[in-house]
PDB file of N, CA and C in Angstrom:
ATOM      1  N   MET A   1      -1.709   9.844  23.823  1.00  0.00           N
ATOM      2  CA  MET A   1      -1.465   9.895  22.410  1.00  0.00           C
ATOM      3  C   MET A   1      -2.274   8.786  21.742  1.00  0.00           C
ATOM      4  N   LYS A   2      -2.870   9.121  20.598  1.00  0.00           N
ATOM      5  CA  LYS A   2      -3.616   8.145  19.814  1.00  0.00           C
ATOM      6  C   LYS A   2      -2.828   7.870  18.541  1.00  0.00           C
ATOM      7  N   VAL A   3      -2.584   6.595  18.259  1.00  0.00           N
ATOM      8  CA  VAL A   3      -1.835   6.206  17.065  1.00  0.00           C
ATOM      9  C   VAL A   3      -2.772   5.478  16.110  1.00  0.00           C
ATOM     10  N   THR A   4      -2.809   5.945  14.867  1.00  0.00           N
ATOM     11  CA  THR A   4      -3.567   5.285  13.809  1.00  0.00           C
ATOM     12  C   THR A   4      -2.558   4.741  12.820  1.00  0.00           C
ATOM     13  N   ILE A   5      -2.742   3.502  12.420  1.00  0.00           N
ATOM     14  CA  ILE A   5      -1.841   2.887  11.456  1.00  0.00           C
ATOM     15  C   ILE A   5      -2.606   2.596  10.176  1.00  0.00           C
ATOM     16  N   LYS A   6      -2.095   3.120   9.076  1.00  0.00           N
ATOM     17  CA  LYS A   6      -2.646   2.849   7.745  1.00  0.00           C
ATOM     18  C   LYS A   6      -1.646   1.961   7.019  1.00  0.00           C
ATOM     19  N   TYR A   7      -2.159   1.015   6.256  1.00  0.00           N
ATOM     20  CA  TYR A   7      -1.285   0.110   5.512  1.00  0.00           C
ATOM     21  C   TYR A   7      -1.419   0.372   4.017  1.00  0.00           C
ATOM     22  N   VAL A   8      -0.293   0.438   3.347  1.00  0.00           N
ATOM     23  CA  VAL A   8      -0.246   0.543   1.891  1.00  0.00           C
ATOM     24  C   VAL A   8       0.813  -0.433   1.400  1.00  0.00           C
ATOM     25  N   GLU A   9       0.789  -0.716   0.102  1.00  0.00           N
ATOM     26  CA  GLU A   9       1.789  -1.622  -0.444  1.00  0.00           C
ATOM     27  C   GLU A   9       2.759  -0.860  -1.328  1.00  0.00           C
ATOM     28  N   ASN A  10       4.036  -1.045  -1.074  1.00  0.00           N
ATOM     29  CA  ASN A  10       5.108  -0.489  -1.879  1.00  0.00           C
ATOM     30  C   ASN A  10       6.116  -1.617  -2.090  1.00  0.00           C
ATOM     31  N   SER A  11       6.151  -2.145  -3.300  1.00  0.00           N
ATOM     32  CA  SER A  11       7.006  -3.303  -3.570  1.00  0.00           C
ATOM     33  C   SER A  11       8.491  -2.973  -3.498  1.00  0.00           C
ATOM     34  N   MET A  12       8.833  -1.704  -3.481  1.00  0.00           N
ATOM     35  CA  MET A  12      10.237  -1.290  -3.432  1.00  0.00           C
ATOM     36  C   MET A  12      10.776  -1.234  -2.000  1.00  0.00           C
ATOM     37  N   LYS A  13       9.897  -1.313  -1.010  1.00  0.00           N
ATOM     38  CA  LYS A  13      10.295  -1.197   0.394  1.00  0.00           C
ATOM     39  C   LYS A  13      10.035  -2.507   1.126  1.00  0.00           C
ATOM     40  N   ALA A  14      10.752  -2.715   2.221  1.00  0.00           N
ATOM     41  CA  ALA A  14      10.571  -3.915   3.035  1.00  0.00           C
ATOM     42  C   ALA A  14       9.233  -3.878   3.758  1.00  0.00           C
ATOM     43  N   ASP A  15       8.692  -5.048   4.017  1.00  0.00           N
ATOM     44  CA  ASP A  15       7.442  -5.180   4.752  1.00  0.00           C
ATOM     45  C   ASP A  15       7.616  -4.617   6.164  1.00  0.00           C
ATOM     46  N   GLY A  16       6.648  -3.841   6.636  1.00  0.00           N
ATOM     47  CA  GLY A  16       6.667  -3.318   7.997  1.00  0.00           C
ATOM     48  C   GLY A  16       7.379  -1.987   8.158  1.00  0.00           C
ATOM     49  N   VAL A  17       7.957  -1.459   7.093  1.00  0.00           N
ATOM     50  CA  VAL A  17       8.668  -0.182   7.156  1.00  0.00           C
ATOM     51  C   VAL A  17       7.670   0.971   7.207  1.00  0.00           C
ATOM     52  N   VAL A  18       7.930   1.944   8.082  1.00  0.00           N
ATOM     53  CA  VAL A  18       7.097   3.151   8.127  1.00  0.00           C
ATOM     54  C   VAL A  18       7.453   3.994   6.910  1.00  0.00           C
ATOM     55  N   LEU A  19       6.467   4.237   6.054  1.00  0.00           N
ATOM     56  CA  LEU A  19       6.686   5.002   4.839  1.00  0.00           C
ATOM     57  C   LEU A  19       6.537   6.499   5.071  1.00  0.00           C
ATOM     58  N   LYS A  20       5.596   6.864   5.952  1.00  0.00           N
ATOM     59  CA  LYS A  20       5.445   8.273   6.306  1.00  0.00           C
ATOM     60  C   LYS A  20       4.700   8.380   7.622  1.00  0.00           C
ATOM     61  N   GLN A  21       4.761   9.569   8.196  1.00  0.00           N
ATOM     62  CA  GLN A  21       4.070   9.828   9.460  1.00  0.00           C
ATOM     63  C   GLN A  21       3.456  11.216   9.384  1.00  0.00           C
ATOM     64  N   SER A  22       2.423  11.442  10.180  1.00  0.00           N
ATOM     65  CA  SER A  22       1.671  12.688  10.080  1.00  0.00           C
ATOM     66  C   SER A  22       2.336  13.867  10.784  1.00  0.00           C
ATOM     67  N   ILE A  23       3.393  13.609  11.544  1.00  0.00           N
ATOM     68  CA  ILE A  23       4.139  14.707  12.169  1.00  0.00           C
ATOM     69  C   ILE A  23       5.601  14.590  11.776  1.00  0.00           C
ATOM     70  N   SER A  24       6.316  15.677  11.891  1.00  0.00           N
ATOM     71  CA  SER A  24       7.743  15.673  11.556  1.00  0.00           C
ATOM     72  C   SER A  24       8.544  14.940  12.619  1.00  0.00           C
ATOM     73  N   ALA A  25       9.647  14.360  12.192  1.00  0.00           N
ATOM     74  CA  ALA A  25      10.549  13.691  13.141  1.00  0.00           C
ATOM     75  C   ALA A  25      11.011  14.688  14.193  1.00  0.00           C
ATOM     76  N   GLY A  26      10.968  14.296  15.447  1.00  0.00           N
ATOM     77  CA  GLY A  26      11.414  15.151  16.548  1.00  0.00           C
ATOM     78  C   GLY A  26      10.351  16.105  17.077  1.00  0.00           C
ATOM     79  N   GLU A  27       9.228  16.203  16.383  1.00  0.00           N
ATOM     80  CA  GLU A  27       8.151  17.085  16.837  1.00  0.00           C
ATOM     81  C   GLU A  27       7.509  16.493  18.091  1.00  0.00           C
ATOM     82  N   GLU A  28       7.268  17.324  19.076  1.00  0.00           N
ATOM     83  CA  GLU A  28       6.661  16.853  20.323  1.00  0.00           C
ATOM     84  C   GLU A  28       5.143  16.899  20.215  1.00  0.00           C
ATOM     85  N   LEU A  29       4.517  15.879  20.789  1.00  0.00           N
ATOM     86  CA  LEU A  29       3.058  15.808  20.807  1.00  0.00           C
ATOM     87  C   LEU A  29       2.530  16.304  22.142  1.00  0.00           C
ATOM     88  N   GLU A  30       1.367  16.913  22.068  1.00  0.00           N
ATOM     89  CA  GLU A  30       0.689  17.305  23.298  1.00  0.00           C
ATOM     90  C   GLU A  30      -0.218  16.167  23.735  1.00  0.00           C
ATOM     91  N   LYS A  31      -0.577  16.160  24.986  1.00  0.00           N
ATOM     92  CA  LYS A  31      -1.448  15.124  25.523  1.00  0.00           C
ATOM     93  C   LYS A  31      -2.745  15.075  24.710  1.00  0.00           C
ATOM     94  N   GLY A  32      -3.117  13.851  24.293  1.00  0.00           N
ATOM     95  CA  GLY A  32      -4.348  13.650  23.536  1.00  0.00           C
ATOM     96  C   GLY A  32      -4.199  13.834  22.037  1.00  0.00           C
ATOM     97  N   GLN A  33      -3.060  14.332  21.594  1.00  0.00           N
ATOM     98  CA  GLN A  33      -2.840  14.527  20.164  1.00  0.00           C
ATOM     99  C   GLN A  33      -2.655  13.174  19.491  1.00  0.00           C
ATOM    100  N   SER A  34      -2.997  13.100  18.210  1.00  0.00           N
ATOM    101  CA  SER A  34      -2.887  11.824  17.504  1.00  0.00           C
ATOM    102  C   SER A  34      -1.836  11.893  16.407  1.00  0.00           C
ATOM    103  N   ILE A  35      -1.379  10.722  16.019  1.00  0.00           N
ATOM    104  CA  ILE A  35      -0.397  10.582  14.946  1.00  0.00           C
ATOM    105  C   ILE A  35      -0.849   9.432  14.054  1.00  0.00           C
ATOM    106  N   THR A  36      -0.615   9.587  12.762  1.00  0.00           N
ATOM    107  CA  THR A  36      -0.926   8.520  11.815  1.00  0.00           C
ATOM    108  C   THR A  36       0.374   8.041  11.192  1.00  0.00           C
ATOM    109  N   LEU A  37       0.589   6.738  11.258  1.00  0.00           N
ATOM    110  CA  LEU A  37       1.745   6.113  10.632  1.00  0.00           C
ATOM    111  C   LEU A  37       1.267   5.342   9.407  1.00  0.00           C
ATOM    112  N   THR A  38       1.951   5.516   8.291  1.00  0.00           N
ATOM    113  CA  THR A  38       1.661   4.744   7.087  1.00  0.00           C
ATOM    114  C   THR A  38       2.750   3.697   6.962  1.00  0.00           C
ATOM    115  N   VAL A  39       2.341   2.424   7.022  1.00  0.00           N
ATOM    116  CA  VAL A  39       3.267   1.297   7.099  1.00  0.00           C
ATOM    117  C   VAL A  39       3.133   0.438   5.845  1.00  0.00           C
ATOM    118  N   ASN A  40       4.272  -0.027   5.335  1.00  0.00           N
ATOM    119  CA  ASN A  40       4.267  -0.898   4.171  1.00  0.00           C
ATOM    120  C   ASN A  40       3.814  -2.301   4.563  1.00  0.00           C
ATOM    121  N   LYS A  41       2.878  -2.828   3.801  1.00  0.00           N
ATOM    122  CA  LYS A  41       2.397  -4.197   4.039  1.00  0.00           C
ATOM    123  C   LYS A  41       2.306  -4.888   2.693  1.00  0.00           C
ATOM    124  N   LYS A  42       3.292  -5.721   2.417  1.00  0.00           N
ATOM    125  CA  LYS A  42       3.305  -6.446   1.154  1.00  0.00           C
ATOM    126  C   LYS A  42       2.326  -7.602   1.193  1.00  0.00           C
ATOM    127  N   GLN A  43       1.781  -7.916   0.024  1.00  0.00           N
ATOM    128  CA  GLN A  43       0.923  -9.084  -0.086  1.00  0.00           C
ATOM    129  C   GLN A  43       1.784 -10.334  -0.003  1.00  0.00           C
ATOM    130  N   PRO A  44       1.205 -11.429   0.480  1.00  0.00           N
ATOM    131  CA  PRO A  44       1.948 -12.694   0.478  1.00  0.00           C
ATOM    132  C   PRO A  44       2.381 -13.043  -0.952  1.00  0.00           C
ATOM    133  N   LYS A  45       3.492 -13.761  -1.095  1.00  0.00           N
ATOM    134  CA  LYS A  45       4.046 -14.110  -2.404  1.00  0.00           C
ATOM    135  C   LYS A  45       3.009 -14.787  -3.297  1.00  0.00           C
ATOM    136  N   GLU A  46       2.195 -15.673  -2.726  1.00  0.00           N
ATOM    137  CA  GLU A  46       1.163 -16.362  -3.514  1.00  0.00           C
ATOM    138  C   GLU A  46       0.180 -15.366  -4.112  1.00  0.00           C
ATOM    139  N   GLN A  47      -0.226 -14.357  -3.338  1.00  0.00           N
ATOM    140  CA  GLN A  47      -1.168 -13.358  -3.821  1.00  0.00           C
ATOM    141  C   GLN A  47      -0.518 -12.477  -4.887  1.00  0.00           C
ATOM    142  N   GLN A  48       0.760 -12.141  -4.711  1.00  0.00           N
ATOM    143  CA  GLN A  48       1.472 -11.351  -5.707  1.00  0.00           C
ATOM    144  C   GLN A  48       1.522 -12.098  -7.036  1.00  0.00           C
ATOM    145  N   ASP A  49       1.843 -13.408  -6.981  1.00  0.00           N
ATOM    146  CA  ASP A  49       1.905 -14.217  -8.192  1.00  0.00           C
ATOM    147  C   ASP A  49       0.547 -14.276  -8.880  1.00  0.00           C
ATOM    148  N   LYS A  50      -0.512 -14.441  -8.099  1.00  0.00           N
ATOM    149  CA  LYS A  50      -1.862 -14.515  -8.651  1.00  0.00           C
ATOM    150  C   LYS A  50      -2.239 -13.184  -9.312  1.00  0.00           C
ATOM    151  N   ASN A  51      -1.901 -12.068  -8.666  1.00  0.00           N
ATOM    152  CA  ASN A  51      -2.194 -10.759  -9.238  1.00  0.00           C
ATOM    153  C   ASN A  51      -1.443 -10.550 -10.551  1.00  0.00           C
ATOM    154  N   GLU A  52      -0.182 -10.989 -10.607  1.00  0.00           N
ATOM    155  CA  GLU A  52       0.606 -10.863 -11.836  1.00  0.00           C
ATOM    156  C   GLU A  52      -0.008 -11.710 -12.947  1.00  0.00           C
ATOM    157  N   GLU A  53      -0.457 -12.934 -12.614  1.00  0.00           N
ATOM    158  CA  GLU A  53      -1.088 -13.794 -13.607  1.00  0.00           C
ATOM    159  C   GLU A  53      -2.356 -13.145 -14.160  1.00  0.00           C
ATOM    160  N   ASN A  54      -3.175 -12.571 -13.279  1.00  0.00           N
ATOM    161  CA  ASN A  54      -4.403 -11.917 -13.713  1.00  0.00           C
ATOM    162  C   ASN A  54      -4.108 -10.699 -14.574  1.00  0.00           C
ATOM    163  N   LYS A  55      -3.083  -9.938 -14.193  1.00  0.00           N
ATOM    164  CA  LYS A  55      -2.711  -8.754 -14.966  1.00  0.00           C
ATOM    165  C   LYS A  55      -2.259  -9.159 -16.360  1.00  0.00           C
ATOM    166  N   GLU A  56      -1.450 -10.223 -16.430  1.00  0.00           N
ATOM    167  CA  GLU A  56      -0.971 -10.708 -17.725  1.00  0.00           C
ATOM    168  C   GLU A  56      -2.127 -11.226 -18.567  1.00  0.00           C
ATOM    169  N   LYS A  57      -3.040 -11.950 -17.943  1.00  0.00           N
ATOM    170  CA  LYS A  57      -4.203 -12.484 -18.651  1.00  0.00           C
ATOM    171  C   LYS A  57      -5.038 -11.345 -19.225  1.00  0.00           C
ATOM    172  N   ASN A  58      -5.274 -10.304 -18.426  1.00  0.00           N
ATOM    173  CA  ASN A  58      -6.061  -9.163 -18.890  1.00  0.00           C
ATOM    174  C   ASN A  58      -5.370  -8.430 -20.028  1.00  0.00           C
ATOM    175  N   ASN A  59      -4.053  -8.362 -20.009  1.00  0.00           N
ATOM    176  CA  ASN A  59      -3.313  -7.693 -21.073  1.00  0.00           C
ATOM    177  C   ASN A  59      -3.343  -8.486 -22.371  1.00  0.00           C
ATOM    178  N   ASN A  60      -3.488  -9.806 -22.268  1.00  0.00           N
ATOM    179  CA  ASN A  60      -3.464 -10.658 -23.447  1.00  0.00           C
ATOM    180  C   ASN A  60      -4.840 -10.910 -24.062  1.00  0.00           C
ATOM    181  N   GLU A  61      -5.888 -10.527 -23.358  1.00  0.00           N
ATOM    182  CA  GLU A  61      -7.229 -10.755 -23.886  1.00  0.00           C
ATOM    183  C   GLU A  61      -7.470  -9.873 -25.103  1.00  0.00           C
ATOM    184  N   GLU A  62      -8.121 -10.475 -26.122  1.00  0.00           N
ATOM    185  CA  GLU A  62      -8.486  -9.675 -27.290  1.00  0.00           C
ATOM    186  C   GLU A  62      -9.719  -8.885 -26.949  1.00  0.00           C
ATOM    187  N   ARG A  63      -9.740  -7.660 -27.431  1.00  0.00           N
ATOM    188  CA  ARG A  63     -10.902  -6.819 -27.228  1.00  0.00           C
ATOM    189  C   ARG A  63     -11.515  -6.521 -28.589  1.00  0.00           C
ATOM    190  N   THR A  64     -12.813  -6.684 -28.669  1.00  0.00           N
ATOM    191  CA  THR A  64     -13.489  -6.402 -29.932  1.00  0.00           C
ATOM    192  C   THR A  64     -14.493  -5.297 -29.716  1.00  0.00           C
ATOM    193  N   ASP A  65     -14.707  -4.539 -30.754  1.00  0.00           N
ATOM    194  CA  ASP A  65     -15.675  -3.450 -30.700  1.00  0.00           C
ATOM    195  C   ASP A  65     -16.732  -3.728 -31.756  1.00  0.00           C
ATOM    196  N   ASP A  66     -17.916  -4.149 -31.308  1.00  0.00           N
ATOM    197  CA  ASP A  66     -19.004  -4.497 -32.222  1.00  0.00           C
ATOM    198  C   ASP A  66     -19.762  -3.288 -32.727  1.00  0.00           C
ATOM    199  N   SER A  67     -19.382  -2.106 -32.266  1.00  0.00           N
ATOM    200  CA  SER A  67     -20.130  -0.918 -32.667  1.00  0.00           C
ATOM    201  C   SER A  67     -19.679  -0.363 -34.012  1.00  0.00           C
ATOM    202  N   ILE A  68     -18.670  -0.985 -34.617  1.00  0.00           N
ATOM    203  CA  ILE A  68     -18.159  -0.481 -35.905  1.00  0.00           C
ATOM    204  C   ILE A  68     -19.011  -0.978 -37.036  1.00  0.00           C
TER     205      ILE A  68
END
């Protein structure tokens, strides 16, 4: 069996939780068949804070349109 792990971020779920899998629960695999697990991987708290600061900064920036 070949296992591929993909990581995505879901802030509503705990870190390391399997969010989905490419086969149904209880389904048997044949020899050589592969499965993909999608696992939650949260960013470190420092990175989350930095991303929030950048998002807030971008929302507060004034935008001007010189084409008028």
